[in-house]
Protein backbone atom coordinates (compact mmCIF):
# COMPACT_ATOMS: atom_id res chain seq x y z
CA MET A 1 172.50 86.79 107.50
CA ARG A 2 168.75 86.46 107.94
CA LYS A 3 166.88 83.55 106.35
CA VAL A 4 163.68 84.50 104.52
CA LEU A 5 160.82 82.28 103.31
CA ILE A 6 159.00 83.88 100.36
CA ALA A 7 155.66 82.48 99.21
CA GLY A 8 154.15 83.87 96.00
CA LYS A 9 151.86 82.73 93.21
CA THR A 10 154.67 82.35 90.65
CA LYS A 11 158.42 81.95 90.64
CA LYS A 12 158.69 85.37 88.97
CA ILE A 13 156.79 87.05 91.83
CA CYS A 14 159.03 85.36 94.39
CA GLU A 15 162.14 86.40 92.50
CA SER A 16 160.90 90.00 92.31
CA ILE A 17 160.48 90.12 96.09
CA SER A 18 163.86 88.44 96.57
CA GLU A 19 165.46 91.09 94.34
CA LEU A 20 163.99 93.82 96.53
CA LEU A 21 165.62 92.28 99.56
CA THR A 22 168.97 91.78 97.88
CA GLY A 23 168.94 95.31 96.53
CA SER A 24 168.79 94.39 92.84
CA GLY A 25 165.25 95.65 92.33
CA ASN A 26 163.45 98.91 93.09
CA SER A 27 159.81 97.93 93.21
CA PHE A 28 157.32 95.08 93.23
CA GLY A 29 153.93 95.42 91.61
CA ALA A 30 154.85 98.34 89.34
CA ASP A 31 157.16 98.91 86.39
CA SER A 32 160.53 100.29 87.43
CA ALA A 33 164.16 100.27 86.31
CA ASN A 34 166.52 98.05 88.28
CA SER A 35 169.13 99.49 90.59
CA ALA A 36 172.69 98.21 90.95
CA VAL A 37 173.09 94.88 92.75
CA SER A 38 174.38 95.26 96.31
CA GLU A 39 175.49 92.77 98.95
CA SER A 40 172.51 91.53 100.96
CA GLU A 41 171.94 90.44 104.56
CA PHE A 42 169.12 88.15 103.42
CA ARG A 43 169.13 84.56 102.15
CA THR A 44 165.84 83.63 100.49
CA VAL A 45 163.91 80.39 99.96
CA CYS A 46 160.97 80.60 97.54
CA VAL A 47 157.78 78.54 97.24
CA THR A 48 154.69 79.10 95.11
CA ASP A 49 151.96 77.37 97.10
CA GLY A 50 150.71 76.78 100.60
CA ILE A 51 151.54 73.07 100.54
CA HIS A 52 155.27 73.66 100.16
CA ALA A 53 155.20 76.61 102.55
CA ARG A 54 153.69 74.38 105.24
CA CYS A 55 156.31 71.71 104.57
CA ALA A 56 159.12 74.20 105.15
CA GLU A 57 160.59 74.33 108.64
CA ALA A 58 158.96 77.61 109.64
CA GLY A 59 160.93 77.81 112.85
CA SER A 60 164.21 78.02 110.92
CA PHE A 61 163.27 81.31 109.22
CA ASP A 62 163.79 84.81 110.56
CA ILE A 63 161.29 86.39 108.17
CA ILE A 64 158.28 84.98 106.29
CA ILE A 65 156.84 86.93 103.34
CA ILE A 66 153.55 85.87 101.78
CA SER A 67 152.45 87.59 98.58
CA THR A 68 148.73 86.96 98.11
CA PRO A 69 147.18 85.17 96.36
CA LEU A 70 149.21 81.96 96.14
CA GLU A 71 148.91 79.25 93.53
CA ASP A 72 146.54 77.10 95.61
CA GLU A 73 144.99 79.49 98.17
CA PHE A 74 144.75 83.14 99.07
CA GLY A 75 147.28 82.92 101.89
CA LEU A 76 145.62 84.22 105.07
CA ASP A 77 145.14 80.74 106.54
CA LEU A 78 148.78 80.04 105.75
CA ALA A 79 149.84 83.23 107.53
CA ALA A 80 147.89 82.24 110.64
CA GLU A 81 149.35 78.71 110.63
CA LEU A 82 152.94 79.82 110.13
CA HIS A 83 152.52 82.39 112.90
CA GLY A 84 151.70 79.52 115.24
CA LYS A 85 154.79 77.56 114.18
CA SER A 86 157.36 80.32 114.08
CA GLY A 87 158.54 83.43 115.87
CA ALA A 88 159.58 84.92 112.54
CA GLY A 89 158.63 88.41 111.45
CA LEU A 90 155.57 87.93 109.22
CA ILE A 91 154.92 90.10 106.14
CA VAL A 92 151.85 89.81 103.90
CA ILE A 93 151.86 91.61 100.54
CA THR A 94 148.49 92.18 98.90
CA LYS A 95 146.54 94.59 96.69
CA GLY A 96 146.67 98.11 98.08
CA GLU A 97 142.89 98.36 98.42
CA LEU A 98 142.79 95.16 100.51
CA ALA A 99 145.66 96.03 102.85
CA GLU A 100 143.63 97.55 105.69
CA GLU A 101 141.03 94.75 105.67
CA ILE A 102 143.69 92.05 105.72
CA GLN A 103 145.66 93.84 108.43
CA ASN A 104 142.57 93.71 110.65
CA LYS A 105 142.09 90.00 109.94
CA LEU A 106 145.70 89.19 110.80
CA LYS A 107 146.26 91.53 113.72
CA PHE A 108 146.37 88.60 116.17
CA THR A 109 149.45 87.25 114.36
CA GLY A 110 151.59 90.37 114.57
CA ALA A 111 151.84 90.29 110.77
CA PHE A 112 152.56 93.52 108.92
CA VAL A 113 150.56 94.00 105.72
CA VAL A 114 152.07 95.84 102.76
CA GLY A 115 149.98 97.03 99.80
CA ARG A 116 151.21 96.63 96.23
CA PRO A 117 153.07 98.29 94.62
CA THR A 118 155.86 98.30 97.16
CA ASN A 119 159.57 99.11 97.10
CA ARG A 120 162.69 98.07 98.98
CA ALA A 121 162.44 100.84 101.58
CA SER A 122 158.81 99.96 102.37
CA LEU A 123 159.59 96.26 102.56
CA LEU A 124 162.55 96.77 104.90
CA GLN A 125 160.41 99.02 107.10
CA ALA A 126 157.70 96.34 107.16
CA ILE A 127 160.29 93.77 108.23
CA ARG A 128 161.34 95.99 111.13
CA PHE A 129 157.74 96.59 112.23
CA ALA A 130 156.77 92.92 111.81
CA GLY A 131 159.77 91.89 113.87
CA ILE A 132 158.72 94.18 116.71
CA ALA A 133 155.07 93.07 116.49
CA GLY A 134 156.09 89.44 116.28
CA GLU A 135 158.19 89.73 119.43
CA ASN A 136 155.26 91.37 121.25
CA VAL A 137 152.85 88.64 120.15
CA LYS A 138 155.39 85.97 121.13
CA ARG A 139 155.84 87.54 124.57
CA LEU A 140 152.09 87.75 125.14
CA THR A 141 151.64 84.15 123.99
CA GLU A 142 154.36 82.97 126.36
CA GLU A 143 152.78 84.90 129.22
CA LYS A 144 149.38 83.41 128.39
CA ASN A 145 150.82 79.88 128.27
CA LYS A 146 152.64 80.43 131.55
CA LEU A 147 149.45 81.63 133.22
CA GLU A 148 147.52 78.64 131.87
CA ARG A 149 150.18 76.27 133.26
CA GLN A 150 150.01 78.00 136.64
CA ILE A 151 146.22 77.63 136.70
CA GLU A 152 146.49 73.93 135.83
CA ASP A 153 149.13 73.48 138.55
CA MET A 154 146.83 75.12 141.09
CA LYS A 155 143.95 72.84 140.09
CA VAL A 156 146.03 69.67 140.54
CA ILE A 157 147.51 70.90 143.84
CA SER A 158 144.04 71.82 145.16
CA ARG A 159 142.72 68.35 144.28
CA ALA A 160 145.68 66.70 146.03
CA LYS A 161 145.14 68.82 149.15
CA ALA A 162 141.45 67.90 149.17
CA CYS A 163 142.48 64.25 148.87
CA LEU A 164 144.84 64.55 151.87
CA MET A 165 142.15 66.30 153.87
CA GLN A 166 139.69 63.51 153.08
CA TYR A 167 141.88 60.44 153.57
CA LEU A 168 144.40 61.64 156.18
CA LYS A 169 141.99 63.98 157.98
CA LEU A 170 144.40 66.91 157.63
CA THR A 171 143.46 70.55 157.78
CA GLU A 172 144.04 72.62 154.64
CA ALA A 173 147.16 74.17 156.21
CA GLN A 174 148.49 70.73 157.15
CA ALA A 175 147.80 69.40 153.67
CA HIS A 176 149.63 72.38 152.19
CA SER A 177 152.65 71.80 154.45
CA TYR A 178 152.60 68.07 153.63
CA LEU A 179 152.73 68.81 149.91
CA GLN A 180 155.55 71.33 150.30
CA LYS A 181 157.55 68.84 152.39
CA GLN A 182 157.01 66.04 149.86
CA ALA A 183 158.13 68.26 147.01
CA MET A 184 161.23 69.45 148.88
CA GLU A 185 162.34 66.04 150.20
CA LEU A 186 161.78 64.25 146.90
CA ARG A 187 163.11 67.21 144.85
CA LYS A 188 159.95 67.52 142.82
CA THR A 189 157.69 70.37 141.90
CA GLN A 190 154.54 70.73 143.98
CA ARG A 191 152.57 69.83 140.83
CA LYS A 192 154.46 66.53 140.48
CA ALA A 193 154.13 65.78 144.20
CA ALA A 194 150.40 66.48 143.92
CA GLU A 195 150.08 64.17 140.92
CA ASP A 196 151.85 61.38 142.82
CA ILE A 197 149.41 61.76 145.72
CA LEU A 198 146.42 61.56 143.37
CA LEU A 199 147.87 58.44 141.73
CA MET A 200 148.53 56.87 145.14
CA TYR A 201 144.85 57.19 146.00
CA ASP A 202 143.87 56.03 142.51
CA ILE A 203 142.30 59.36 141.62
CA GLU A 204 142.28 60.24 137.92
CA LEU A 205 144.55 63.14 136.99
């Protein structure tokens, strides 16, 4: 069962979206007769404002649905913040005429924007697309973070090698070998061995 956080302006709006997910409603944002209730794979938690949405443990949800506007804000800032805290599939529901504009504003989050009125089929499709987009954004973010860590490691290691070359009169190759040996013998990463060398010579990290 997938856990869903629903944020909408009123409790009624949240319940309408929840009914779409559970199969007990046919549409949201337009008049429509209800369909028969069916067993659902979703468990929903509803909030009506950004304050409570931010207090929720975003990382514990599989899907986050924000129906704009909320009680205390429009909801785009909330979408961006929750994207940063969670790997959940992110859905934003808004007026049909605003959908394209909002999609462009939120493209960096992997959010999928759905225009009102919407129905169960459209919402489930959006969840699938948002899940795929969210995974892609998460992967790219992880790759970016990994690259940034590698660059920082290289900077620290380069400073340590320069320190060894200055104080021990080693060549660059000798300094490199020294660092590798220190890391291997002390069972540390080269970054940690480099940091220890900088600290030993009282050089700020």
